[in-house]
């Protein structure tokens, strides 16, 4: 992958992980799963101002996780799954390390159980 394409992909992943680092933004994504909602509908679920929810939505839009359609003052939001899939693919590249750790743990637990006479 050319350096500029790699840098763009890394910037995109950085934005996705930064957006996912906030529990309100993760909750917004969960609410948008299978639904298209107005920002005002999203805001109803949180004890923060409409403006604060709107700022969270803008972070999600900038990360490519949410698409926003405006009609006048009305803003509809929908989930965009592509960036989440890319982040999951990046994380899954390291699953082989987790699998090895889990296998080691399982072996150790079996050994402990065997020594106990179970």
N, C-alpha and C. Protein backbone atom coordinates (compact mmCIF):
# COMPACT_ATOMS: atom_id res chain seq x y z
N UNK A 1 0.86 -1.18 0.00
CA UNK A 1 0.00 0.00 0.00
C UNK A 1 0.90 1.24 0.00
N UNK A 2 0.66 2.18 -0.91
CA UNK A 2 1.47 3.40 -0.93
C UNK A 2 1.39 4.14 0.40
N UNK A 3 2.44 4.88 0.72
CA UNK A 3 2.52 5.56 2.01
C UNK A 3 1.34 6.48 2.26
N UNK A 4 0.91 7.24 1.24
CA UNK A 4 -0.21 8.16 1.46
C UNK A 4 -1.51 7.41 1.73
N UNK A 5 -1.74 6.31 1.04
CA UNK A 5 -2.94 5.51 1.28
C UNK A 5 -2.90 4.90 2.68
N UNK A 6 -1.73 4.45 3.09
CA UNK A 6 -1.57 3.88 4.44
C UNK A 6 -1.84 4.95 5.49
N UNK A 7 -1.31 6.14 5.27
CA UNK A 7 -1.50 7.23 6.22
C UNK A 7 -2.99 7.60 6.32
N UNK A 8 -3.69 7.63 5.18
CA UNK A 8 -5.11 7.94 5.19
C UNK A 8 -5.89 6.86 5.94
N UNK A 9 -5.54 5.59 5.72
CA UNK A 9 -6.22 4.50 6.41
C UNK A 9 -5.96 4.58 7.92
N UNK A 10 -4.72 4.89 8.30
CA UNK A 10 -4.40 5.03 9.72
C UNK A 10 -5.14 6.22 10.34
N UNK A 11 -5.23 7.33 9.62
CA UNK A 11 -5.98 8.49 10.11
C UNK A 11 -7.45 8.12 10.31
N UNK A 12 -7.98 7.36 9.37
CA UNK A 12 -9.37 6.92 9.46
C UNK A 12 -9.58 6.04 10.68
N UNK A 13 -8.69 5.08 10.90
CA UNK A 13 -8.79 4.22 12.08
C UNK A 13 -8.64 5.03 13.37
N UNK A 14 -7.73 5.99 13.37
CA UNK A 14 -7.57 6.85 14.55
C UNK A 14 -8.88 7.56 14.87
N UNK A 15 -9.54 8.09 13.85
CA UNK A 15 -10.80 8.81 14.05
C UNK A 15 -11.88 7.86 14.56
N UNK A 16 -11.94 6.65 14.02
CA UNK A 16 -12.94 5.67 14.46
C UNK A 16 -12.71 5.29 15.92
N UNK A 17 -11.46 4.94 16.27
CA UNK A 17 -11.19 4.55 17.65
C UNK A 17 -11.40 5.71 18.62
N UNK A 18 -11.05 6.92 18.21
CA UNK A 18 -11.29 8.08 19.07
C UNK A 18 -12.79 8.28 19.28
N UNK A 19 -13.56 8.14 18.22
CA UNK A 19 -15.01 8.30 18.34
C UNK A 19 -15.61 7.22 19.23
N UNK A 20 -15.10 6.00 19.11
CA UNK A 20 -15.62 4.88 19.91
C UNK A 20 -15.18 4.93 21.37
N UNK A 21 -14.25 5.81 21.68
CA UNK A 21 -13.72 5.87 23.05
C UNK A 21 -14.71 6.49 24.04
N UNK A 22 -15.75 7.12 23.55
CA UNK A 22 -16.71 7.79 24.42
C UNK A 22 -17.98 6.95 24.56
N UNK A 23 -18.44 6.71 25.80
CA UNK A 23 -19.63 5.87 25.99
C UNK A 23 -20.91 6.46 25.40
N UNK A 24 -21.04 7.78 25.38
CA UNK A 24 -22.24 8.38 24.77
C UNK A 24 -22.24 8.10 23.28
N UNK A 25 -21.10 8.25 22.64
CA UNK A 25 -21.04 8.00 21.19
C UNK A 25 -21.29 6.53 20.87
N UNK A 26 -20.76 5.62 21.70
CA UNK A 26 -21.05 4.19 21.48
C UNK A 26 -22.53 3.93 21.64
N UNK A 27 -23.16 4.57 22.61
CA UNK A 27 -24.58 4.41 22.83
C UNK A 27 -25.39 4.95 21.65
N UNK A 28 -24.96 6.07 21.10
CA UNK A 28 -25.63 6.64 19.92
C UNK A 28 -25.57 5.64 18.78
N UNK A 29 -24.41 5.03 18.56
CA UNK A 29 -24.30 4.03 17.49
C UNK A 29 -25.24 2.87 17.73
N UNK A 30 -25.36 2.42 18.97
CA UNK A 30 -26.28 1.33 19.29
C UNK A 30 -27.72 1.73 18.98
N UNK A 31 -28.09 2.96 19.29
CA UNK A 31 -29.46 3.42 19.02
C UNK A 31 -29.73 3.54 17.53
N UNK A 32 -28.67 3.79 16.75
CA UNK A 32 -28.85 3.93 15.30
C UNK A 32 -28.82 2.59 14.56
N UNK A 33 -28.50 1.53 15.28
CA UNK A 33 -28.46 0.21 14.65
C UNK A 33 -29.86 -0.18 14.18
N UNK A 34 -30.05 -0.16 12.88
CA UNK A 34 -31.35 -0.50 12.30
C UNK A 34 -32.37 0.62 12.32
N UNK A 35 -31.94 1.81 12.67
CA UNK A 35 -32.88 2.94 12.74
C UNK A 35 -32.25 4.19 12.17
N UNK A 36 -33.09 5.06 11.66
CA UNK A 36 -32.66 6.39 11.24
C UNK A 36 -33.39 7.36 12.16
N UNK A 37 -32.63 8.13 12.92
CA UNK A 37 -33.23 8.98 13.95
C UNK A 37 -32.83 10.44 13.77
N UNK A 38 -33.70 11.31 14.23
CA UNK A 38 -33.38 12.73 14.29
C UNK A 38 -32.42 12.95 15.46
N UNK A 39 -31.61 13.97 15.37
CA UNK A 39 -30.71 14.30 16.47
C UNK A 39 -31.52 14.56 17.74
N UNK A 40 -32.66 15.20 17.60
CA UNK A 40 -33.51 15.47 18.77
C UNK A 40 -34.03 14.16 19.38
N UNK A 41 -34.30 13.14 18.56
CA UNK A 41 -34.72 11.84 19.08
C UNK A 41 -33.56 11.16 19.82
N UNK A 42 -32.37 11.29 19.27
CA UNK A 42 -31.20 10.74 19.95
C UNK A 42 -31.00 11.41 21.30
N UNK A 43 -31.18 12.72 21.34
CA UNK A 43 -30.91 13.50 22.55
C UNK A 43 -31.85 13.13 23.70
N UNK A 44 -33.03 12.62 23.38
CA UNK A 44 -34.00 12.27 24.43
C UNK A 44 -33.46 11.24 25.41
N UNK A 45 -32.52 10.43 24.97
CA UNK A 45 -32.02 9.33 25.80
C UNK A 45 -30.90 9.75 26.77
N UNK A 46 -30.45 10.99 26.68
CA UNK A 46 -29.27 11.39 27.45
C UNK A 46 -29.55 12.59 28.34
N UNK A 47 -28.92 12.62 29.50
CA UNK A 47 -29.12 13.75 30.42
C UNK A 47 -28.18 14.91 30.10
N UNK A 48 -27.99 15.15 28.81
CA UNK A 48 -27.14 16.26 28.36
C UNK A 48 -27.94 17.07 27.34
N UNK A 49 -27.44 18.23 27.01
CA UNK A 49 -28.18 19.12 26.12
C UNK A 49 -28.21 18.59 24.68
N UNK A 50 -29.17 19.08 23.93
CA UNK A 50 -29.27 18.76 22.51
C UNK A 50 -27.98 19.17 21.79
N UNK A 51 -27.43 20.31 22.18
CA UNK A 51 -26.19 20.79 21.57
C UNK A 51 -25.03 19.81 21.85
N UNK A 52 -24.96 19.27 23.05
CA UNK A 52 -23.90 18.31 23.38
C UNK A 52 -24.06 17.03 22.57
N UNK A 53 -25.29 16.56 22.43
CA UNK A 53 -25.53 15.37 21.61
C UNK A 53 -25.16 15.66 20.16
N UNK A 54 -25.50 16.83 19.69
CA UNK A 54 -25.16 17.22 18.32
C UNK A 54 -23.64 17.21 18.10
N UNK A 55 -22.89 17.66 19.11
CA UNK A 55 -21.42 17.63 18.99
C UNK A 55 -20.92 16.19 18.93
N UNK A 56 -21.52 15.30 19.74
CA UNK A 56 -21.14 13.88 19.67
C UNK A 56 -21.44 13.31 18.29
N UNK A 57 -22.59 13.67 17.75
CA UNK A 57 -22.96 13.20 16.41
C UNK A 57 -21.95 13.70 15.38
N UNK A 58 -21.49 14.93 15.51
CA UNK A 58 -20.52 15.47 14.56
C UNK A 58 -19.19 14.72 14.61
N UNK A 59 -18.79 14.29 15.80
CA UNK A 59 -17.58 13.46 15.91
C UNK A 59 -17.78 12.14 15.17
N UNK A 60 -18.96 11.55 15.34
CA UNK A 60 -19.26 10.28 14.65
C UNK A 60 -19.32 10.47 13.14
N UNK A 61 -19.86 11.60 12.70
CA UNK A 61 -19.91 11.91 11.26
C UNK A 61 -18.49 12.08 10.72
N UNK A 62 -17.66 12.82 11.44
CA UNK A 62 -16.27 13.04 11.00
C UNK A 62 -15.49 11.73 10.90
N UNK A 63 -15.83 10.77 11.76
CA UNK A 63 -15.16 9.46 11.74
C UNK A 63 -15.76 8.54 10.68
N UNK A 64 -16.84 8.97 10.04
CA UNK A 64 -17.48 8.16 9.01
C UNK A 64 -18.43 7.11 9.58
N UNK A 65 -18.69 7.16 10.88
CA UNK A 65 -19.55 6.16 11.52
C UNK A 65 -21.04 6.47 11.40
N UNK A 66 -21.35 7.73 11.14
CA UNK A 66 -22.74 8.16 11.00
C UNK A 66 -22.85 9.04 9.76
N UNK A 67 -23.92 8.82 9.01
CA UNK A 67 -24.25 9.71 7.90
C UNK A 67 -25.40 10.59 8.36
N UNK A 68 -25.29 11.86 8.03
CA UNK A 68 -26.29 12.82 8.48
C UNK A 68 -26.90 13.50 7.26
N UNK A 69 -28.22 13.51 7.20
CA UNK A 69 -28.95 14.15 6.12
C UNK A 69 -29.75 15.30 6.71
N UNK A 70 -29.54 16.49 6.17
CA UNK A 70 -30.24 17.67 6.68
C UNK A 70 -31.31 18.12 5.69
N UNK A 71 -32.46 18.43 6.25
CA UNK A 71 -33.54 19.05 5.51
C UNK A 71 -33.95 20.26 6.33
N UNK A 72 -33.46 21.42 5.92
CA UNK A 72 -33.70 22.61 6.72
C UNK A 72 -33.00 22.48 8.05
N UNK A 73 -33.77 22.59 9.13
CA UNK A 73 -33.20 22.46 10.48
C UNK A 73 -33.26 21.04 11.01
N UNK A 74 -33.89 20.16 10.23
CA UNK A 74 -34.04 18.77 10.67
C UNK A 74 -32.86 17.95 10.18
N UNK A 75 -32.28 17.21 11.10
CA UNK A 75 -31.09 16.42 10.79
C UNK A 75 -31.35 14.95 11.14
N UNK A 76 -31.34 14.09 10.13
CA UNK A 76 -31.52 12.65 10.33
C UNK A 76 -30.16 11.97 10.32
N UNK A 77 -30.03 10.97 11.18
CA UNK A 77 -28.76 10.25 11.30
C UNK A 77 -28.98 8.76 11.04
N UNK A 78 -28.01 8.15 10.39
CA UNK A 78 -28.05 6.70 10.21
C UNK A 78 -26.64 6.14 10.37
N UNK A 79 -26.57 4.92 10.80
CA UNK A 79 -25.31 4.23 11.03
C UNK A 79 -24.64 3.90 9.71
N UNK A 80 -23.33 4.09 9.66
CA UNK A 80 -22.51 3.68 8.53
C UNK A 80 -21.59 2.57 9.04
N UNK A 81 -21.73 1.36 8.54
CA UNK A 81 -21.02 0.22 9.11
C UNK A 81 -19.63 -0.01 8.53
N UNK A 82 -19.31 0.61 7.42
CA UNK A 82 -18.00 0.40 6.80
C UNK A 82 -16.82 0.66 7.72
N UNK A 83 -16.75 1.81 8.38
CA UNK A 83 -15.62 2.07 9.27
C UNK A 83 -15.54 1.11 10.46
N UNK A 84 -16.70 0.66 10.94
CA UNK A 84 -16.69 -0.31 12.04
C UNK A 84 -16.11 -1.63 11.56
N UNK A 85 -16.48 -2.03 10.35
CA UNK A 85 -15.95 -3.27 9.78
C UNK A 85 -14.43 -3.18 9.59
N UNK A 86 -13.96 -2.01 9.15
CA UNK A 86 -12.51 -1.82 8.98
C UNK A 86 -11.79 -1.90 10.32
N UNK A 87 -12.36 -1.29 11.36
CA UNK A 87 -11.76 -1.34 12.70
C UNK A 87 -11.76 -2.78 13.22
N UNK A 88 -12.86 -3.49 13.00
CA UNK A 88 -12.94 -4.89 13.45
C UNK A 88 -11.91 -5.75 12.72
N UNK A 89 -11.73 -5.50 11.43
CA UNK A 89 -10.74 -6.26 10.67
C UNK A 89 -9.34 -5.98 11.22
N UNK A 90 -9.07 -4.73 11.56
CA UNK A 90 -7.75 -4.40 12.12
C UNK A 90 -7.55 -5.12 13.44
N UNK A 91 -8.55 -5.09 14.30
CA UNK A 91 -8.46 -5.76 15.60
C UNK A 91 -8.31 -7.26 15.42
N UNK A 92 -9.06 -7.84 14.50
CA UNK A 92 -9.03 -9.29 14.29
C UNK A 92 -7.69 -9.79 13.77
N UNK A 93 -6.88 -8.90 13.21
CA UNK A 93 -5.53 -9.31 12.79
C UNK A 93 -4.73 -9.84 13.97
N UNK A 94 -5.09 -9.44 15.17
CA UNK A 94 -4.36 -9.81 16.37
C UNK A 94 -5.04 -10.94 17.14
N UNK A 95 -6.12 -11.48 16.61
CA UNK A 95 -6.85 -12.56 17.28
C UNK A 95 -5.96 -13.78 17.48
N UNK A 96 -5.02 -14.01 16.58
CA UNK A 96 -4.15 -15.18 16.72
C UNK A 96 -3.37 -15.12 18.03
N UNK A 97 -3.04 -13.92 18.49
CA UNK A 97 -2.32 -13.78 19.75
C UNK A 97 -3.25 -14.07 20.93
N UNK A 98 -4.49 -13.60 20.83
CA UNK A 98 -5.45 -13.87 21.89
C UNK A 98 -5.74 -15.35 21.96
N UNK A 99 -5.92 -15.98 20.78
CA UNK A 99 -6.21 -17.41 20.74
C UNK A 99 -5.11 -18.20 21.43
N UNK A 100 -3.87 -17.83 21.17
CA UNK A 100 -2.75 -18.53 21.80
C UNK A 100 -2.78 -18.33 23.31
N UNK A 101 -3.09 -17.11 23.77
CA UNK A 101 -3.17 -16.84 25.19
C UNK A 101 -4.31 -17.62 25.85
N UNK A 102 -5.45 -17.67 25.17
CA UNK A 102 -6.58 -18.42 25.71
C UNK A 102 -6.28 -19.92 25.77
N UNK A 103 -5.58 -20.41 24.76
CA UNK A 103 -5.21 -21.83 24.77
C UNK A 103 -4.25 -22.13 25.91
N UNK A 104 -3.30 -21.25 26.15
CA UNK A 104 -2.37 -21.41 27.26
C UNK A 104 -3.12 -21.39 28.59
N UNK A 105 -4.06 -20.46 28.73
CA UNK A 105 -4.87 -20.38 29.94
C UNK A 105 -5.68 -21.65 30.14
N UNK A 106 -6.31 -22.14 29.08
CA UNK A 106 -7.11 -23.36 29.18
C UNK A 106 -6.25 -24.54 29.61
N UNK A 107 -5.05 -24.64 29.06
CA UNK A 107 -4.13 -25.72 29.43
C UNK A 107 -3.75 -25.62 30.89
N UNK A 108 -3.46 -24.42 31.35
CA UNK A 108 -3.09 -24.23 32.76
C UNK A 108 -4.25 -24.54 33.69
N UNK A 109 -5.45 -24.15 33.31
CA UNK A 109 -6.62 -24.45 34.14
C UNK A 109 -6.89 -25.96 34.21
N UNK A 110 -6.71 -26.64 33.10
CA UNK A 110 -6.86 -28.10 33.10
C UNK A 110 -5.82 -28.75 34.00
N UNK A 111 -4.59 -28.23 33.96
CA UNK A 111 -3.52 -28.77 34.81
C UNK A 111 -3.83 -28.54 36.28
N UNK A 112 -4.33 -27.38 36.63
CA UNK A 112 -4.71 -27.08 38.02
C UNK A 112 -5.83 -28.03 38.46
N UNK A 113 -6.81 -28.20 37.59
CA UNK A 113 -7.93 -29.11 37.91
C UNK A 113 -7.44 -30.54 38.07
N UNK A 114 -6.52 -30.97 37.22
CA UNK A 114 -5.97 -32.33 37.31
C UNK A 114 -5.22 -32.53 38.63
N UNK A 115 -4.44 -31.53 39.05
CA UNK A 115 -3.70 -31.62 40.30
C UNK A 115 -4.61 -31.66 41.52
N UNK A 116 -5.76 -31.02 41.40
CA UNK A 116 -6.74 -31.03 42.50
C UNK A 116 -7.46 -32.37 42.60
N UNK A 117 -7.32 -33.17 41.56
CA UNK A 117 -7.98 -34.47 41.55
C UNK A 117 -9.34 -34.46 40.93
N UNK A 118 -9.64 -33.41 40.18
CA UNK A 118 -10.95 -33.28 39.56
C UNK A 118 -10.95 -33.87 38.23
